[in-house]
Amino acid sequence: MKASITYLHLLRKTPFFTSLNTVQLRWAIDHSREWEAQAGTVIVDCATDSAPKDDIWILLDGGWQVETRRGTWPAGHADPGKWFSAAEADGTTRLVTTAHSYVMKISRADMDDMLSQGFRFNGHLHAGQIYYRKIFGRHTTSG
């Protein structure tokens, strides 16, 4: 993946962030990292990734899919699966882009700070939790 610049005017139009005001958008930009990824890029590999398992990945543009032993579940930036955390998954899961994409990584601590400050992500997080419960068949932990 290649580091990318997050532009406020584009982030404002991304479904996960549309409910935020300008101050909140700037805070989100300052507390995240955006990446550009080509189709087929593995964003997270739960079997080998040493990064914190509770980081939150958000699909800004493009597409990705969650791959497990039981199947593959695609998502776009407006779908319930538009965010991902390895904390929601099992140890065989991979998150892989299906198209040229832009993704954002937010640490769990920064996401918790945003939620405590009233950033309206709960609806998105809840929809994703329901989506991941269907995939993994268990209670999820984020949000």
Protein backbone atom coordinates (compact mmCIF):
# COMPACT_ATOMS: atom_id res chain seq x y z
CA MET A 1 0.00 0.00 0.00
CA LYS A 2 1.03 3.57 -0.57
CA ALA A 3 0.41 6.39 1.92
CA SER A 4 -2.15 8.86 0.66
CA ILE A 5 -3.38 12.31 1.64
CA THR A 6 -6.86 12.60 3.13
CA TYR A 7 -8.75 15.54 1.66
CA LEU A 8 -11.49 17.03 3.81
CA HIS A 9 -13.83 17.77 0.88
CA LEU A 10 -13.66 14.13 -0.24
CA LEU A 11 -13.92 12.65 3.26
CA ARG A 12 -17.07 14.72 3.83
CA LYS A 13 -18.74 12.73 1.00
CA THR A 14 -17.68 9.30 2.29
CA PRO A 15 -20.69 7.50 3.84
CA PHE A 16 -18.93 6.66 7.13
CA PHE A 17 -18.14 10.36 7.69
CA THR A 18 -21.13 12.27 6.25
CA SER A 19 -22.63 13.07 9.67
CA LEU A 20 -19.50 14.86 10.90
CA ASN A 21 -18.99 18.61 10.97
CA THR A 22 -15.81 20.26 9.68
CA VAL A 23 -14.07 20.30 13.09
CA GLN A 24 -14.79 16.59 13.54
CA LEU A 25 -13.60 15.79 10.02
CA ARG A 26 -10.32 17.60 10.68
CA TRP A 27 -9.92 15.71 13.96
CA ALA A 28 -10.54 12.42 12.15
CA ILE A 29 -7.96 13.31 9.51
CA ASP A 30 -5.40 14.24 12.18
CA HIS A 31 -5.96 10.93 14.01
CA SER A 32 -5.94 8.47 11.12
CA ARG A 33 -3.85 7.31 8.20
CA GLU A 34 -5.07 6.94 4.63
CA TRP A 35 -3.64 4.42 2.19
CA GLU A 36 -4.04 3.80 -1.52
CA ALA A 37 -4.21 0.14 -2.46
CA GLN A 38 -4.34 -1.63 -5.78
CA ALA A 39 -6.84 -4.43 -6.43
CA GLY A 40 -5.75 -7.62 -4.70
CA THR A 41 -3.90 -5.90 -1.86
CA VAL A 42 -4.14 -7.68 1.48
CA ILE A 43 -5.07 -5.01 4.01
CA VAL A 44 -5.30 -7.33 7.02
CA ASP A 45 -4.26 -10.97 7.36
CA CYS A 46 -5.41 -12.19 10.76
CA ALA A 47 -3.16 -15.24 10.56
CA THR A 48 0.06 -13.26 10.20
CA ASP A 49 -0.62 -9.59 11.00
CA SER A 50 1.21 -8.29 14.07
CA ALA A 51 -0.68 -4.96 14.09
CA PRO A 52 -3.15 -4.33 16.92
CA LYS A 53 -6.22 -6.46 16.27
CA ASP A 54 -8.63 -3.73 17.34
CA ASP A 55 -7.56 -1.09 14.79
CA ILE A 56 -10.47 0.04 12.61
CA TRP A 57 -10.12 0.05 8.82
CA ILE A 58 -12.62 2.10 6.81
CA LEU A 59 -13.18 1.77 3.08
CA LEU A 60 -13.20 5.29 1.65
CA ASP A 61 -13.44 4.37 -2.02
CA GLY A 62 -13.19 1.21 -4.10
CA GLY A 63 -14.07 -2.22 -2.77
CA TRP A 64 -12.84 -5.00 -0.54
CA GLN A 65 -13.83 -8.43 0.60
CA VAL A 66 -13.58 -10.41 3.80
CA GLU A 67 -12.14 -13.86 3.05
CA THR A 68 -12.54 -16.77 5.47
CA ARG A 69 -12.42 -20.55 5.23
CA ARG A 70 -16.21 -20.47 4.93
CA GLY A 71 -16.49 -17.99 2.08
CA THR A 72 -15.96 -14.52 0.73
CA TRP A 73 -18.05 -11.44 1.55
CA PRO A 74 -17.57 -8.33 -0.62
CA ALA A 75 -18.38 -4.78 0.50
CA GLY A 76 -18.31 -1.30 -0.97
CA HIS A 77 -17.97 2.04 0.82
CA ALA A 78 -21.75 2.33 1.38
CA ASP A 79 -22.31 -1.26 2.64
CA PRO A 80 -22.46 -2.48 6.27
CA GLY A 81 -19.02 -4.06 5.76
CA LYS A 82 -17.45 -0.69 4.92
CA TRP A 83 -15.36 -0.93 8.07
CA PHE A 84 -13.34 -3.82 9.43
CA SER A 85 -11.46 -4.75 12.57
CA ALA A 86 -9.59 -7.99 13.10
CA ALA A 87 -11.21 -8.02 16.56
CA GLU A 88 -14.44 -8.93 14.75
CA ALA A 89 -12.87 -11.82 12.84
CA ASP A 90 -11.34 -15.23 13.36
CA GLY A 91 -7.69 -16.15 12.90
CA THR A 92 -8.08 -17.24 9.27
CA THR A 93 -9.63 -14.02 7.96
CA ARG A 94 -8.11 -11.75 5.35
CA LEU A 95 -9.32 -8.34 4.19
CA VAL A 96 -8.42 -7.87 0.51
CA THR A 97 -9.19 -5.05 -1.92
CA THR A 98 -11.23 -5.98 -4.99
CA ALA A 99 -10.56 -2.76 -6.89
CA HIS A 100 -8.23 0.21 -6.76
CA SER A 101 -9.17 1.55 -3.32
CA TYR A 102 -8.52 4.10 -0.64
CA VAL A 103 -8.65 2.87 2.95
CA MET A 104 -8.24 4.59 6.29
CA LYS A 105 -6.81 3.14 9.48
CA ILE A 106 -7.90 4.47 12.86
CA SER A 107 -6.53 3.08 16.11
CA ARG A 108 -9.07 1.73 18.59
CA ALA A 109 -7.98 4.41 21.10
CA ASP A 110 -8.63 7.19 18.58
CA MET A 111 -11.97 5.65 17.59
CA ASP A 112 -12.94 5.49 21.26
CA ASP A 113 -11.95 9.16 21.63
CA MET A 114 -14.08 10.11 18.62
CA LEU A 115 -17.07 8.22 19.97
CA SER A 116 -16.69 9.83 23.42
CA GLN A 117 -16.63 13.24 21.71
CA GLY A 118 -19.96 12.53 20.04
CA PHE A 119 -18.81 11.54 16.56
CA ARG A 120 -21.87 9.85 15.09
CA PHE A 121 -20.38 6.52 13.98
CA ASN A 122 -22.59 4.26 16.08
CA GLY A 123 -25.05 3.49 13.28
CA HIS A 124 -22.24 2.50 10.92
CA LEU A 125 -20.48 0.45 13.59
CA HIS A 126 -23.69 -1.31 14.60
CA ALA A 127 -24.58 -2.20 11.00
CA GLY A 128 -21.08 -3.61 10.55
CA GLN A 129 -21.31 -5.61 13.75
CA ILE A 130 -24.52 -7.24 12.54
CA TYR A 131 -22.82 -7.97 9.20
CA TYR A 132 -19.81 -9.55 10.92
CA ARG A 133 -21.98 -11.56 13.30
CA LYS A 134 -23.54 -13.19 10.24
CA ILE A 135 -20.12 -13.99 8.82
CA PHE A 136 -18.43 -15.20 12.01
CA GLY A 137 -21.48 -16.46 13.90
CA ARG A 138 -20.57 -14.94 17.23
CA HIS A 139 -20.96 -11.84 19.34
CA THR A 140 -18.70 -8.98 18.18
CA THR A 141 -16.71 -6.64 20.38
CA SER A 142 -16.30 -3.18 18.75
CA GLY A 143 -18.43 -0.08 19.02
